[in-house]
């Protein structure tokens, strides 16, 4: 999995997790909401990419 992300993806993932951890340190409820929003966006992007790849016959 890490070889697919590349260095930029890994740094982005670490920054995202670090940001949520920083918010959770101050406001745990807000951090939980942010985590849900990020997870939702991730699922939407995954579905969109899957649909586009299917349309081009790559799946």
PDB file of N, CA and C in Angstrom:
ATOM      1  N   UNK A   1       0.821  -1.187   0.000  1.00  0.00           N
ATOM      2  CA  UNK A   1       0.000   0.000   0.000  1.00  0.00           C
ATOM      3  C   UNK A   1       0.866   1.252   0.000  1.00  0.00           C
ATOM      4  N   UNK A   2       1.937   1.234   0.752  1.00  0.00           N
ATOM      5  CA  UNK A   2       2.770   2.432   0.864  1.00  0.00           C
ATOM      6  C   UNK A   2       3.457   2.779  -0.449  1.00  0.00           C
ATOM      7  N   UNK A   3       3.777   1.767  -1.265  1.00  0.00           N
ATOM      8  CA  UNK A   3       4.423   2.059  -2.537  1.00  0.00           C
ATOM      9  C   UNK A   3       3.463   2.731  -3.513  1.00  0.00           C
ATOM     10  N   UNK A   4       2.160   2.519  -3.360  1.00  0.00           N
ATOM     11  CA  UNK A   4       1.175   3.175  -4.216  1.00  0.00           C
ATOM     12  C   UNK A   4       0.972   4.636  -3.826  1.00  0.00           C
ATOM     13  N   UNK A   5       1.090   4.938  -2.553  1.00  0.00           N
ATOM     14  CA  UNK A   5       0.877   6.314  -2.092  1.00  0.00           C
ATOM     15  C   UNK A   5       2.007   7.241  -2.497  1.00  0.00           C
ATOM     16  N   UNK A   6       3.211   6.755  -2.404  1.00  0.00           N
ATOM     17  CA  UNK A   6       4.358   7.615  -2.668  1.00  0.00           C
ATOM     18  C   UNK A   6       4.669   8.463  -1.440  1.00  0.00           C
ATOM     19  N   UNK A   7       5.741   9.225  -1.529  1.00  0.00           N
ATOM     20  CA  UNK A   7       6.176  10.023  -0.379  1.00  0.00           C
ATOM     21  C   UNK A   7       5.180  11.143  -0.085  1.00  0.00           C
ATOM     22  N   UNK A   8       4.613  11.734  -1.141  1.00  0.00           N
ATOM     23  CA  UNK A   8       3.643  12.811  -0.939  1.00  0.00           C
ATOM     24  C   UNK A   8       2.381  12.322  -0.250  1.00  0.00           C
ATOM     25  N   UNK A   9       1.910  11.153  -0.622  1.00  0.00           N
ATOM     26  CA  UNK A   9       0.717  10.582  -0.002  1.00  0.00           C
ATOM     27  C   UNK A   9       0.943  10.229   1.458  1.00  0.00           C
ATOM     28  N   UNK A  10       2.112   9.697   1.749  1.00  0.00           N
ATOM     29  CA  UNK A  10       2.424   9.333   3.136  1.00  0.00           C
ATOM     30  C   UNK A  10       2.524  10.584   4.003  1.00  0.00           C
ATOM     31  N   UNK A  11       3.186  11.623   3.486  1.00  0.00           N
ATOM     32  CA  UNK A  11       3.291  12.877   4.242  1.00  0.00           C
ATOM     33  C   UNK A  11       1.904  13.492   4.436  1.00  0.00           C
ATOM     34  N   UNK A  12       1.076  13.457   3.404  1.00  0.00           N
ATOM     35  CA  UNK A  12      -0.282  13.976   3.518  1.00  0.00           C
ATOM     36  C   UNK A  12      -1.098  13.225   4.544  1.00  0.00           C
ATOM     37  N   UNK A  13      -0.953  11.903   4.563  1.00  0.00           N
ATOM     38  CA  UNK A  13      -1.667  11.088   5.544  1.00  0.00           C
ATOM     39  C   UNK A  13      -1.200  11.410   6.960  1.00  0.00           C
ATOM     40  N   UNK A  14       0.103  11.551   7.147  1.00  0.00           N
ATOM     41  CA  UNK A  14       0.628  11.893   8.473  1.00  0.00           C
ATOM     42  C   UNK A  14       0.167  13.275   8.925  1.00  0.00           C
ATOM     43  N   UNK A  15       0.148  14.233   8.003  1.00  0.00           N
ATOM     44  CA  UNK A  15      -0.328  15.571   8.354  1.00  0.00           C
ATOM     45  C   UNK A  15      -1.814  15.569   8.719  1.00  0.00           C
ATOM     46  N   UNK A  16      -2.595  14.785   7.988  1.00  0.00           N
ATOM     47  CA  UNK A  16      -4.020  14.686   8.292  1.00  0.00           C
ATOM     48  C   UNK A  16      -4.238  14.080   9.674  1.00  0.00           C
ATOM     49  N   UNK A  17      -3.547  12.984   9.957  1.00  0.00           N
ATOM     50  CA  UNK A  17      -3.690  12.349  11.266  1.00  0.00           C
ATOM     51  C   UNK A  17      -3.171  13.251  12.382  1.00  0.00           C
ATOM     52  N   UNK A  18      -2.075  13.949  12.113  1.00  0.00           N
ATOM     53  CA  UNK A  18      -1.546  14.881  13.107  1.00  0.00           C
ATOM     54  C   UNK A  18      -2.500  16.024  13.375  1.00  0.00           C
ATOM     55  N   UNK A  19      -3.144  16.534  12.334  1.00  0.00           N
ATOM     56  CA  UNK A  19      -4.123  17.607  12.507  1.00  0.00           C
ATOM     57  C   UNK A  19      -5.321  17.166  13.312  1.00  0.00           C
ATOM     58  N   UNK A  20      -5.827  15.968  13.034  1.00  0.00           N
ATOM     59  CA  UNK A  20      -6.960  15.454  13.811  1.00  0.00           C
ATOM     60  C   UNK A  20      -6.546  15.218  15.254  1.00  0.00           C
ATOM     61  N   UNK A  21      -5.332  14.729  15.467  1.00  0.00           N
ATOM     62  CA  UNK A  21      -4.848  14.516  16.838  1.00  0.00           C
ATOM     63  C   UNK A  21      -4.731  15.843  17.587  1.00  0.00           C
ATOM     64  N   UNK A  22      -4.266  16.869  16.905  1.00  0.00           N
ATOM     65  CA  UNK A  22      -4.150  18.186  17.537  1.00  0.00           C
ATOM     66  C   UNK A  22      -5.517  18.740  17.917  1.00  0.00           C
ATOM     67  N   UNK A  23      -6.486  18.588  17.020  1.00  0.00           N
ATOM     68  CA  UNK A  23      -7.844  19.049  17.332  1.00  0.00           C
ATOM     69  C   UNK A  23      -8.428  18.209  18.470  1.00  0.00           C
ATOM     70  N   UNK A  24      -8.179  16.893  18.449  1.00  0.00           N
ATOM     71  CA  UNK A  24      -8.713  16.006  19.487  1.00  0.00           C
ATOM     72  C   UNK A  24      -8.143  16.336  20.857  1.00  0.00           C
ATOM     73  N   UNK A  25      -6.936  16.845  20.870  1.00  0.00           N
ATOM     74  CA  UNK A  25      -6.316  17.221  22.137  1.00  0.00           C
ATOM     75  C   UNK A  25      -7.088  18.365  22.787  1.00  0.00           C
ATOM     76  N   UNK A  26      -7.615  19.278  21.968  1.00  0.00           N
ATOM     77  CA  UNK A  26      -8.362  20.421  22.485  1.00  0.00           C
ATOM     78  C   UNK A  26      -9.866  20.143  22.557  1.00  0.00           C
ATOM     79  N   UNK A  27     -10.443  19.582  21.492  1.00  0.00           N
ATOM     80  CA  UNK A  27     -11.889  19.354  21.393  1.00  0.00           C
ATOM     81  C   UNK A  27     -12.168  17.980  20.788  1.00  0.00           C
ATOM     82  N   UNK A  28     -12.341  16.963  21.620  1.00  0.00           N
ATOM     83  CA  UNK A  28     -12.541  15.599  21.100  1.00  0.00           C
ATOM     84  C   UNK A  28     -13.788  15.440  20.223  1.00  0.00           C
ATOM     85  N   UNK A  29     -14.876  16.127  20.547  1.00  0.00           N
ATOM     86  CA  UNK A  29     -16.111  15.988  19.758  1.00  0.00           C
ATOM     87  C   UNK A  29     -15.909  16.555  18.357  1.00  0.00           C
ATOM     88  N   UNK A  30     -15.242  17.689  18.260  1.00  0.00           N
ATOM     89  CA  UNK A  30     -14.975  18.303  16.957  1.00  0.00           C
ATOM     90  C   UNK A  30     -14.056  17.399  16.147  1.00  0.00           C
ATOM     91  N   UNK A  31     -13.077  16.805  16.782  1.00  0.00           N
ATOM     92  CA  UNK A  31     -12.159  15.903  16.085  1.00  0.00           C
ATOM     93  C   UNK A  31     -12.907  14.679  15.548  1.00  0.00           C
ATOM     94  N   UNK A  32     -13.850  14.167  16.311  1.00  0.00           N
ATOM     95  CA  UNK A  32     -14.642  13.029  15.834  1.00  0.00           C
ATOM     96  C   UNK A  32     -15.450  13.436  14.602  1.00  0.00           C
ATOM     97  N   UNK A  33     -16.024  14.614  14.621  1.00  0.00           N
ATOM     98  CA  UNK A  33     -16.756  15.104  13.456  1.00  0.00           C
ATOM     99  C   UNK A  33     -15.864  15.260  12.247  1.00  0.00           C
ATOM    100  N   UNK A  34     -14.672  15.804  12.441  1.00  0.00           N
ATOM    101  CA  UNK A  34     -13.720  15.943  11.338  1.00  0.00           C
ATOM    102  C   UNK A  34     -13.324  14.584  10.776  1.00  0.00           C
ATOM    103  N   UNK A  35     -13.122  13.619  11.648  1.00  0.00           N
ATOM    104  CA  UNK A  35     -12.749  12.279  11.192  1.00  0.00           C
ATOM    105  C   UNK A  35     -13.863  11.668  10.351  1.00  0.00           C
ATOM    106  N   UNK A  36     -15.116  11.850  10.766  1.00  0.00           N
ATOM    107  CA  UNK A  36     -16.244  11.344   9.982  1.00  0.00           C
ATOM    108  C   UNK A  36     -16.337  12.031   8.625  1.00  0.00           C
ATOM    109  N   UNK A  37     -16.118  13.336   8.605  1.00  0.00           N
ATOM    110  CA  UNK A  37     -16.161  14.073   7.337  1.00  0.00           C
ATOM    111  C   UNK A  37     -15.062  13.584   6.397  1.00  0.00           C
ATOM    112  N   UNK A  38     -13.852  13.419   6.898  1.00  0.00           N
ATOM    113  CA  UNK A  38     -12.757  12.939   6.062  1.00  0.00           C
ATOM    114  C   UNK A  38     -13.014  11.522   5.553  1.00  0.00           C
ATOM    115  N   UNK A  39     -13.567  10.676   6.399  1.00  0.00           N
ATOM    116  CA  UNK A  39     -13.884   9.309   5.971  1.00  0.00           C
ATOM    117  C   UNK A  39     -14.959   9.335   4.885  1.00  0.00           C
ATOM    118  N   UNK A  40     -15.955  10.171   5.031  1.00  0.00           N
ATOM    119  CA  UNK A  40     -17.001  10.300   4.018  1.00  0.00           C
ATOM    120  C   UNK A  40     -16.452  10.793   2.696  1.00  0.00           C
ATOM    121  N   UNK A  41     -15.593  11.800   2.747  1.00  0.00           N
ATOM    122  CA  UNK A  41     -14.983  12.314   1.518  1.00  0.00           C
ATOM    123  C   UNK A  41     -14.147  11.224   0.855  1.00  0.00           C
ATOM    124  N   UNK A  42     -13.419  10.461   1.651  1.00  0.00           N
ATOM    125  CA  UNK A  42     -12.621   9.364   1.102  1.00  0.00           C
ATOM    126  C   UNK A  42     -13.477   8.327   0.394  1.00  0.00           C
ATOM    127  N   UNK A  43     -14.622   7.985   0.978  1.00  0.00           N
ATOM    128  CA  UNK A  43     -15.514   7.007   0.348  1.00  0.00           C
ATOM    129  C   UNK A  43     -16.113   7.549  -0.946  1.00  0.00           C
ATOM    130  N   UNK A  44     -16.466   8.826  -0.960  1.00  0.00           N
ATOM    131  CA  UNK A  44     -17.015   9.429  -2.179  1.00  0.00           C
ATOM    132  C   UNK A  44     -15.968   9.445  -3.286  1.00  0.00           C
ATOM    133  N   UNK A  45     -14.748   9.834  -2.958  1.00  0.00           N
ATOM    134  CA  UNK A  45     -13.681   9.867  -3.959  1.00  0.00           C
ATOM    135  C   UNK A  45     -13.409   8.466  -4.487  1.00  0.00           C
ATOM    136  N   UNK A  46     -13.400   7.492  -3.608  1.00  0.00           N
ATOM    137  CA  UNK A  46     -13.158   6.106  -4.037  1.00  0.00           C
ATOM    138  C   UNK A  46     -14.242   5.638  -5.004  1.00  0.00           C
ATOM    139  N   UNK A  47     -15.496   5.961  -4.706  1.00  0.00           N
ATOM    140  CA  UNK A  47     -16.594   5.574  -5.588  1.00  0.00           C
ATOM    141  C   UNK A  47     -16.494   6.289  -6.934  1.00  0.00           C
ATOM    142  N   UNK A  48     -16.168   7.568  -6.924  1.00  0.00           N
ATOM    143  CA  UNK A  48     -16.034   8.313  -8.172  1.00  0.00           C
ATOM    144  C   UNK A  48     -14.912   7.755  -9.038  1.00  0.00           C
ATOM    145  N   UNK A  49     -13.774   7.485  -8.439  1.00  0.00           N
ATOM    146  CA  UNK A  49     -12.644   6.941  -9.196  1.00  0.00           C
ATOM    147  C   UNK A  49     -13.003   5.564  -9.757  1.00  0.00           C
ATOM    148  N   UNK A  50     -13.672   4.753  -8.958  1.00  0.00           N
ATOM    149  CA  UNK A  50     -14.085   3.425  -9.434  1.00  0.00           C
ATOM    150  C   UNK A  50     -15.032   3.519 -10.618  1.00  0.00           C
ATOM    151  N   UNK A  51     -15.981   4.453 -10.556  1.00  0.00           N
ATOM    152  CA  UNK A  51     -16.919   4.624 -11.670  1.00  0.00           C
ATOM    153  C   UNK A  51     -16.224   5.115 -12.926  1.00  0.00           C
ATOM    154  N   UNK A  52     -15.317   6.051 -12.791  1.00  0.00           N
ATOM    155  CA  UNK A  52     -14.594   6.558 -13.957  1.00  0.00           C
ATOM    156  C   UNK A  52     -13.733   5.458 -14.567  1.00  0.00           C
ATOM    157  N   UNK A  53     -13.074   4.690 -13.727  1.00  0.00           N
ATOM    158  CA  UNK A  53     -12.238   3.602 -14.250  1.00  0.00           C
ATOM    159  C   UNK A  53     -13.091   2.554 -14.951  1.00  0.00           C
ATOM    160  N   UNK A  54     -14.280   2.270 -14.422  1.00  0.00           N
ATOM    161  CA  UNK A  54     -15.183   1.315 -15.058  1.00  0.00           C
ATOM    162  C   UNK A  54     -15.643   1.829 -16.419  1.00  0.00           C
ATOM    163  N   UNK A  55     -15.912   3.133 -16.520  1.00  0.00           N
ATOM    164  CA  UNK A  55     -16.353   3.702 -17.795  1.00  0.00           C
ATOM    165  C   UNK A  55     -15.282   3.583 -18.869  1.00  0.00           C
ATOM    166  N   UNK A  56     -14.024   3.682 -18.464  1.00  0.00           N
ATOM    167  CA  UNK A  56     -12.934   3.560 -19.417  1.00  0.00           C
ATOM    168  C   UNK A  56     -12.469   2.121 -19.592  1.00  0.00           C
ATOM    169  N   UNK A  57     -13.139   1.182 -18.919  1.00  0.00           N
ATOM    170  CA  UNK A  57     -12.816  -0.229 -19.068  1.00  0.00           C
ATOM    171  C   UNK A  57     -11.528  -0.640 -18.387  1.00  0.00           C
ATOM    172  N   UNK A  58     -11.140   0.036 -17.341  1.00  0.00           N
ATOM    173  CA  UNK A  58      -9.885  -0.272 -16.662  1.00  0.00           C
ATOM    174  C   UNK A  58     -10.064  -1.221 -15.482  1.00  0.00           C
ATOM    175  N   UNK A  59     -11.283  -1.593 -15.188  1.00  0.00           N
ATOM    176  CA  UNK A  59     -11.509  -2.462 -14.032  1.00  0.00           C
ATOM    177  C   UNK A  59     -11.870  -3.839 -14.502  1.00  0.00           C
TER     178      UNK A  59
END
